[in-house]
Amino acid sequence: MTASDRTKRRLTQFSHGGGCGCKIAPRVLQQILAGSMDAATTPELLVGAETSDDGAVYRINDSQAIISTTDFFMPIVDDPYDFGAIAATNALSDVYAMGGTPLFALAIVAMPVNDLPVETIRRVVAGGEAACARAGIPIAGGHTIDSVEPIYGLAVTGVAHPEHIKRNSAAQPGDAIVLGKPLGVGIYSAALKKEALPPDAYAELVELTTMLNTPGIDLGRLPGVHAMTDVTGFGLLGHLLEICRGSNVGATIEFERIPMLQHAVQLARQGCVTGASARNLDSYAVDVSLAERLGATERALLCDPQTSGGLLVTCAPDDAPSVVNTFHRKGFAQATTIGVIAEGAPAMTVR
């Protein structure tokens, strides 16, 4: 490949998938991990892999717990700086989703060094550094390899008081369900690959996916917040179902209350959907009851893989206004209550 070819080739053309849509399908992942990671055997490990939570949590003393997480993926956009910033923001989100504050990060950099210009790789790394700078943390090191496809992300270490840790397995019947960001990132990324994404939609995509989920720090300190996670590759239904399964509860959500990116519905109707949305629905459709009026477009949105998506919170109903206000004060204008946690088997109803 000539230098000219390397410069002209779009970043997303190097990879077979992009963003959190690269995740292995939930059903396949469950089969891979079956029996491989047993429940924690040490009392200091407060959160392990048992409920597919956002990060591992290890208590080091009565007032401090360490949060550890990692996240990386292939390009969701063609601009290398934006790709790096989105990937870093996405990785940082896992710490915020546990109610913690990031301390530092290590970079994960896998690039086709013979096919990508060095300056392009530098821009990816610079975007990640900028996102971490906005979070107030350094990238303290990392690891690089020569790879067939470009991959970037972070391993992040954070901290929280053990009593402020928010798991995805503590939702209670009657809880309000609050979503912090609109859906549609996967729809937009599919449109981008088809060169059908309007310029204003690209700006909206980058703005949303580089918004740090910092409300998680304040929400971690609210006793009325019972469970928290973030919506990423498994879509809204998949991550809410993880909450339901971990907490042994059900959930009902109202489709019309779910915030969407401005062009998401229109683009989905035009067929700009990812293969991951279909894999997601196939993996957990047995536990989801959908209203008859919800057709292919609505199902694609409900299962749309989000990259650097919003926090998904369950809280005591009296605390819902305070939770929503916390989001609004941080600039998350579309955050809203979308449903309620119910008693019963771990299943969901979308009305």
Protein backbone atom coordinates (compact mmCIF):
# COMPACT_ATOMS: atom_id res chain seq x y z
CA MET A 1 0.00 0.00 0.00
CA THR A 2 1.43 3.36 -1.03
CA ALA A 3 1.63 6.41 1.24
CA SER A 4 -1.13 7.99 -0.85
CA ASP A 5 -3.38 4.94 -0.36
CA ARG A 6 -2.77 5.03 3.39
CA THR A 7 -3.79 8.68 3.54
CA LYS A 8 -6.97 8.22 1.45
CA ARG A 9 -8.32 5.11 3.18
CA ARG A 10 -11.04 5.87 5.76
CA LEU A 11 -10.25 4.76 9.30
CA THR A 12 -13.48 2.75 9.61
CA GLN A 13 -12.55 0.81 6.45
CA PHE A 14 -9.77 -0.94 8.35
CA SER A 15 -12.18 -2.73 10.72
CA HIS A 16 -15.06 -5.18 10.42
CA GLY A 17 -16.97 -3.45 13.23
CA GLY A 18 -16.88 -0.25 15.22
CA GLY A 19 -17.27 1.05 18.74
CA CYS A 20 -19.16 -1.06 21.25
CA GLY A 21 -20.91 -2.74 18.34
CA CYS A 22 -17.73 -4.88 18.26
CA LYS A 23 -18.86 -6.66 21.41
CA ILE A 24 -19.45 -10.39 21.23
CA ALA A 25 -23.18 -11.12 21.19
CA PRO A 26 -24.62 -11.59 24.72
CA ARG A 27 -25.65 -15.21 24.13
CA VAL A 28 -22.25 -16.18 22.74
CA LEU A 29 -20.43 -14.32 25.52
CA GLN A 30 -22.49 -16.19 28.11
CA GLN A 31 -21.44 -19.50 26.56
CA ILE A 32 -17.77 -18.50 26.46
CA LEU A 33 -17.68 -17.40 30.09
CA ALA A 34 -19.86 -20.18 31.51
CA GLY A 35 -18.08 -21.52 34.60
CA SER A 36 -14.85 -19.67 33.84
CA MET A 37 -15.12 -17.04 36.57
CA ASP A 38 -16.53 -18.18 39.89
CA ALA A 39 -17.95 -15.85 42.53
CA ALA A 40 -15.44 -13.93 44.63
CA THR A 41 -13.64 -16.00 47.25
CA THR A 42 -12.07 -13.08 49.08
CA PRO A 43 -14.17 -10.63 51.11
CA GLU A 44 -12.10 -7.67 49.90
CA LEU A 45 -13.33 -8.20 46.33
CA LEU A 46 -16.64 -6.34 46.59
CA VAL A 47 -17.57 -6.70 42.90
CA GLY A 48 -16.27 -9.34 40.51
CA ALA A 49 -17.59 -10.89 37.32
CA GLU A 50 -20.65 -12.51 38.84
CA THR A 51 -23.25 -10.00 37.56
CA SER A 52 -21.42 -8.60 34.49
CA ASP A 53 -20.93 -5.28 36.24
CA ASP A 54 -18.98 -2.37 34.77
CA GLY A 55 -15.81 -2.80 36.81
CA ALA A 56 -14.15 -4.86 39.50
CA VAL A 57 -14.08 -3.31 42.98
CA TYR A 58 -11.53 -4.15 45.69
CA ARG A 59 -11.80 -2.71 49.20
CA ILE A 60 -8.43 -1.58 50.55
CA ASN A 61 -9.74 -0.14 53.84
CA ASP A 62 -12.96 1.04 55.46
CA SER A 63 -13.07 4.28 53.48
CA GLN A 64 -11.46 3.40 50.13
CA ALA A 65 -12.18 0.91 47.39
CA ILE A 66 -10.30 0.60 44.12
CA ILE A 67 -12.27 0.29 40.87
CA SER A 68 -10.56 -1.38 37.91
CA THR A 69 -11.91 -1.64 34.37
CA THR A 70 -10.82 -1.85 30.75
CA ASP A 71 -12.54 -1.07 27.45
CA PHE A 72 -11.28 -0.86 23.87
CA PHE A 73 -12.65 -1.21 20.36
CA MET A 74 -12.22 -0.53 16.66
CA PRO A 75 -13.02 2.84 15.02
CA ILE A 76 -16.58 4.14 15.12
CA VAL A 77 -15.63 7.32 13.20
CA ASP A 78 -13.02 8.20 10.59
CA ASP A 79 -11.45 11.18 12.33
CA PRO A 80 -8.58 9.71 14.41
CA TYR A 81 -8.73 12.39 17.12
CA ASP A 82 -12.48 11.86 17.58
CA PHE A 83 -11.98 8.09 17.65
CA GLY A 84 -9.43 8.37 20.45
CA ALA A 85 -11.58 10.78 22.45
CA ILE A 86 -14.69 8.60 22.11
CA ALA A 87 -12.86 5.41 23.07
CA ALA A 88 -11.30 7.04 26.13
CA THR A 89 -14.61 8.59 27.24
CA ASN A 90 -16.26 5.20 26.88
CA ALA A 91 -13.64 3.50 29.05
CA LEU A 92 -13.84 6.17 31.74
CA SER A 93 -17.61 5.70 31.89
CA ASP A 94 -17.25 2.32 33.60
CA VAL A 95 -15.71 3.97 36.66
CA TYR A 96 -18.44 6.62 36.78
CA ALA A 97 -21.06 3.88 36.42
CA MET A 98 -19.76 2.28 39.62
CA GLY A 99 -20.10 5.60 41.47
CA GLY A 100 -16.35 6.19 41.43
CA THR A 101 -13.81 8.84 40.47
CA PRO A 102 -11.07 7.95 37.94
CA LEU A 103 -7.48 8.22 39.17
CA PHE A 104 -5.34 7.34 36.13
CA ALA A 105 -5.41 5.25 32.96
CA LEU A 106 -3.20 3.02 30.85
CA ALA A 107 -3.55 3.16 27.08
CA ILE A 108 -4.29 0.10 24.92
CA VAL A 109 -3.00 0.77 21.40
CA ALA A 110 -3.15 -1.82 18.60
CA MET A 111 -2.55 -0.39 15.12
CA PRO A 112 -1.71 -1.60 11.60
CA VAL A 113 1.53 0.35 11.62
CA ASN A 114 2.42 -0.48 8.01
CA ASP A 115 -0.96 0.69 6.71
CA LEU A 116 -1.74 3.75 8.84
CA PRO A 117 0.34 6.94 8.78
CA VAL A 118 2.17 7.59 12.03
CA GLU A 119 0.43 10.96 12.30
CA THR A 120 -2.96 9.24 12.23
CA ILE A 121 -1.96 7.01 15.14
CA ARG A 122 -0.61 10.04 16.99
CA ARG A 123 -3.99 11.76 16.57
CA VAL A 124 -5.82 8.75 18.02
CA VAL A 125 -3.59 8.85 21.08
CA ALA A 126 -3.97 12.64 21.35
CA GLY A 127 -7.76 12.32 21.37
CA GLY A 128 -7.58 9.84 24.21
CA GLU A 129 -5.22 12.08 26.15
CA ALA A 130 -7.58 15.04 25.70
CA ALA A 131 -10.53 13.08 27.09
CA CYS A 132 -8.49 12.04 30.11
CA ALA A 133 -7.33 15.62 30.63
CA ARG A 134 -10.99 16.70 30.74
CA ALA A 135 -11.54 14.01 33.38
CA GLY A 136 -8.59 15.39 35.33
CA ILE A 137 -6.43 12.26 35.11
CA PRO A 138 -3.18 11.27 33.40
CA ILE A 139 -2.49 8.42 31.01
CA ALA A 140 0.38 6.91 32.95
CA GLY A 141 1.55 4.32 30.43
CA GLY A 142 0.11 1.45 28.44
CA HIS A 143 0.87 -1.17 25.83
CA THR A 144 1.15 -1.12 22.03
CA ILE A 145 1.10 -3.86 19.41
CA ASP A 146 1.08 -4.11 15.61
CA SER A 147 -2.42 -5.23 14.66
CA VAL A 148 -4.42 -6.01 11.51
CA GLU A 149 -7.22 -3.66 12.64
CA PRO A 150 -6.89 -0.37 14.58
CA ILE A 151 -7.90 -0.73 18.22
CA TYR A 152 -7.74 1.87 20.98
CA GLY A 153 -8.95 2.06 24.56
CA LEU A 154 -7.95 2.35 28.19
CA ALA A 155 -7.50 0.38 31.37
CA VAL A 156 -8.77 2.74 34.07
CA THR A 157 -8.24 2.75 37.81
CA GLY A 158 -10.64 4.67 40.03
CA VAL A 159 -11.59 5.06 43.67
CA ALA A 160 -14.74 5.38 45.75
CA HIS A 161 -15.93 4.94 49.32
CA PRO A 162 -17.10 1.32 49.68
CA GLU A 163 -20.55 2.58 50.73
CA HIS A 164 -20.84 4.66 47.55
CA ILE A 165 -20.24 1.80 45.12
CA LYS A 166 -23.26 1.31 42.87
CA ARG A 167 -23.74 -2.18 41.48
CA ASN A 168 -25.96 -3.27 38.63
CA SER A 169 -27.56 -5.85 40.94
CA ALA A 170 -29.29 -3.80 43.64
CA ALA A 171 -32.45 -2.49 41.94
CA GLN A 172 -35.61 -2.64 44.07
CA PRO A 173 -39.28 -3.03 43.09
CA GLY A 174 -40.86 0.39 42.68
CA ASP A 175 -37.61 2.06 41.62
CA ALA A 176 -37.77 4.67 38.88
CA ILE A 177 -35.55 4.00 35.86
CA VAL A 178 -33.58 7.02 34.61
CA LEU A 179 -31.56 7.18 31.36
CA GLY A 180 -28.83 9.81 31.08
CA LYS A 181 -28.18 10.01 27.31
CA PRO A 182 -30.32 9.52 24.18
CA LEU A 183 -30.11 6.37 22.07
CA GLY A 184 -29.01 6.08 18.45
CA VAL A 185 -25.21 5.95 18.41
CA GLY A 186 -25.16 2.63 16.56
CA ILE A 187 -27.68 3.95 14.04
CA TYR A 188 -25.47 6.98 13.40
CA SER A 189 -22.35 4.83 13.03
CA ALA A 190 -24.11 2.62 10.49
CA ALA A 191 -25.16 5.72 8.54
CA LEU A 192 -21.60 7.03 8.67
CA LYS A 193 -20.26 3.83 7.10
CA LYS A 194 -22.84 4.21 4.33
CA GLU A 195 -21.82 7.89 3.93
CA ALA A 196 -25.44 8.81 4.74
CA LEU A 197 -24.89 10.70 7.99
CA PRO A 198 -25.70 14.45 7.78
CA PRO A 199 -22.91 16.80 8.99
CA ASP A 200 -24.99 18.09 11.90
CA ALA A 201 -25.63 14.50 12.96
CA TYR A 202 -21.90 13.79 13.01
CA ALA A 203 -21.36 16.77 15.29
CA GLU A 204 -24.19 15.51 17.51
CA LEU A 205 -22.61 12.04 17.59
CA VAL A 206 -19.18 13.31 18.66
CA GLU A 207 -20.63 15.68 21.25
CA LEU A 208 -22.68 12.90 22.85
CA THR A 209 -20.01 10.22 22.85
CA THR A 210 -17.34 12.52 24.32
CA MET A 211 -19.57 13.68 27.22
CA LEU A 212 -18.01 12.26 30.37
CA ASN A 213 -20.55 10.48 32.59
CA THR A 214 -19.41 12.50 35.61
CA PRO A 215 -22.92 12.58 37.19
CA GLY A 216 -22.08 9.05 38.33
CA ILE A 217 -19.81 10.47 41.04
CA ASP A 218 -22.64 12.45 42.63
CA LEU A 219 -25.18 9.67 42.09
CA GLY A 220 -22.90 7.26 43.90
CA ARG A 221 -23.29 9.34 47.03
CA LEU A 222 -27.11 9.33 46.96
CA PRO A 223 -28.57 6.59 49.20
CA GLY A 224 -31.75 6.61 47.12
CA VAL A 225 -29.82 5.43 44.04
CA HIS A 226 -29.90 1.65 44.22
CA ALA A 227 -28.41 0.38 40.95
CA MET A 228 -26.38 1.89 38.13
CA THR A 229 -24.70 0.84 34.90
CA ASP A 230 -24.04 2.39 31.51
CA VAL A 231 -25.67 1.54 28.19
CA THR A 232 -23.09 0.29 25.70
CA GLY A 233 -22.83 -2.58 23.24
CA PHE A 234 -25.82 -4.64 24.37
CA GLY A 235 -28.22 -1.74 23.91
CA LEU A 236 -30.78 -0.37 26.35
CA LEU A 237 -32.69 -3.64 26.63
CA GLY A 238 -29.57 -5.72 27.17
CA HIS A 239 -28.11 -3.61 29.94
CA LEU A 240 -31.46 -3.15 31.67
CA LEU A 241 -31.92 -6.91 31.52
CA GLU A 242 -28.54 -7.30 33.25
CA ILE A 243 -29.89 -5.12 36.06
CA CYS A 244 -33.06 -7.21 36.22
CA ARG A 245 -31.19 -10.51 36.30
CA GLY A 246 -28.66 -9.35 38.87
CA SER A 247 -31.38 -7.87 41.09
CA ASN A 248 -34.01 -10.61 40.49
CA VAL A 249 -36.65 -8.08 39.44
CA GLY A 250 -38.61 -7.12 36.35
CA ALA A 251 -38.92 -3.80 34.55
CA THR A 252 -41.44 -1.87 32.48
CA ILE A 253 -40.38 1.00 30.23
CA GLU A 254 -42.34 3.41 28.05
CA PHE A 255 -40.94 3.64 24.52
CA GLU A 256 -42.18 7.19 23.97
CA ARG A 257 -40.25 8.40 27.01
CA ILE A 258 -36.89 7.15 25.73
CA PRO A 259 -34.74 10.04 24.42
CA MET A 260 -33.32 9.61 20.91
CA LEU A 261 -30.68 11.36 18.84
CA GLN A 262 -32.24 13.84 16.43
CA HIS A 263 -31.96 11.75 13.24
CA ALA A 264 -32.00 8.26 14.81
CA VAL A 265 -35.58 7.27 13.98
CA GLN A 266 -35.38 8.51 10.38
CA LEU A 267 -32.05 6.81 9.72
CA ALA A 268 -33.25 3.55 11.27
CA ARG A 269 -36.28 3.61 8.96
CA GLN A 270 -33.87 4.01 6.05
CA GLY A 271 -32.10 0.80 7.07
CA CYS A 272 -29.09 2.34 8.82
CA VAL A 273 -28.87 -0.30 11.53
CA THR A 274 -26.01 -2.44 12.79
CA GLY A 275 -25.81 -6.21 12.73
CA ALA A 276 -25.22 -6.03 16.48
CA SER A 277 -28.78 -4.81 17.13
CA ALA A 278 -30.24 -7.99 15.61
CA ARG A 279 -27.76 -10.17 17.52
CA ASN A 280 -28.65 -8.36 20.71
CA LEU A 281 -32.39 -8.92 20.31
CA ASP A 282 -31.87 -12.56 19.37
CA SER A 283 -29.87 -13.05 22.56
CA TYR A 284 -32.54 -11.86 24.99
CA ALA A 285 -35.87 -11.69 23.13
CA VAL A 286 -37.22 -14.53 25.26
CA ASP A 287 -37.14 -12.24 28.31
CA VAL A 288 -38.61 -9.15 26.61
CA SER A 289 -42.26 -8.43 25.87
CA LEU A 290 -42.75 -5.73 23.24
CA ALA A 291 -45.99 -3.89 22.49
CA GLU A 292 -47.43 -4.91 19.10
CA ARG A 293 -47.11 -1.38 17.72
CA LEU A 294 -43.31 -1.52 18.10
CA GLY A 295 -41.99 -2.59 14.73
CA ALA A 296 -38.56 -3.13 13.22
CA THR A 297 -37.45 0.49 13.65
CA GLU A 298 -38.36 0.61 17.34
CA ARG A 299 -36.76 -2.77 18.02
CA ALA A 300 -33.56 -1.67 16.31
CA LEU A 301 -33.43 1.43 18.53
CA LEU A 302 -34.10 -0.53 21.73
CA CYS A 303 -31.28 -2.95 20.88
CA ASP A 304 -28.99 -0.42 19.22
CA PRO A 305 -25.41 -0.83 20.49
CA GLN A 306 -24.36 2.39 22.17
CA THR A 307 -20.77 3.56 22.31
CA SER A 308 -20.03 5.81 25.28
CA GLY A 309 -23.75 5.68 26.09
CA GLY A 310 -25.63 7.11 29.02
CA LEU A 311 -25.85 6.01 32.62
CA LEU A 312 -28.85 3.82 33.44
CA VAL A 313 -30.01 4.40 37.01
CA THR A 314 -32.66 2.89 39.25
CA CYS A 315 -33.64 4.89 42.31
CA ALA A 316 -36.36 5.32 44.92
CA PRO A 317 -39.27 7.10 43.20
CA ASP A 318 -39.07 10.09 45.54
CA ASP A 319 -35.43 10.56 44.51
CA ALA A 320 -36.07 10.47 40.75
CA PRO A 321 -36.41 14.28 40.42
CA SER A 322 -33.09 14.74 42.22
CA VAL A 323 -31.39 12.16 39.99
CA VAL A 324 -32.71 13.79 36.81
CA ASN A 325 -31.70 17.22 38.11
CA THR A 326 -28.17 15.93 38.77
CA PHE A 327 -27.92 14.99 35.12
CA HIS A 328 -29.37 18.29 33.95
CA ARG A 329 -26.94 20.32 36.07
CA LYS A 330 -24.07 18.49 34.36
CA GLY A 331 -25.37 19.30 30.87
CA PHE A 332 -27.28 16.08 30.13
CA ALA A 333 -30.40 17.90 28.96
CA GLN A 334 -32.23 14.82 27.64
CA ALA A 335 -31.90 12.72 30.80
CA THR A 336 -35.30 11.53 31.94
CA THR A 337 -37.30 8.83 33.69
CA ILE A 338 -38.25 6.05 31.26
CA GLY A 339 -39.86 3.36 33.40
CA VAL A 340 -40.15 1.47 36.66
CA ILE A 341 -38.69 -1.62 38.30
CA ALA A 342 -41.29 -4.26 39.13
CA GLU A 343 -41.58 -7.36 41.26
CA GLY A 344 -41.35 -10.69 39.50
CA ALA A 345 -39.07 -12.72 37.29
CA PRO A 346 -36.12 -11.00 35.56
CA ALA A 347 -37.93 -9.88 32.44
CA MET A 348 -38.93 -6.66 30.72
CA THR A 349 -42.01 -5.13 29.18
CA VAL A 350 -41.79 -2.28 26.67
CA ARG A 351 -45.09 -0.42 26.23
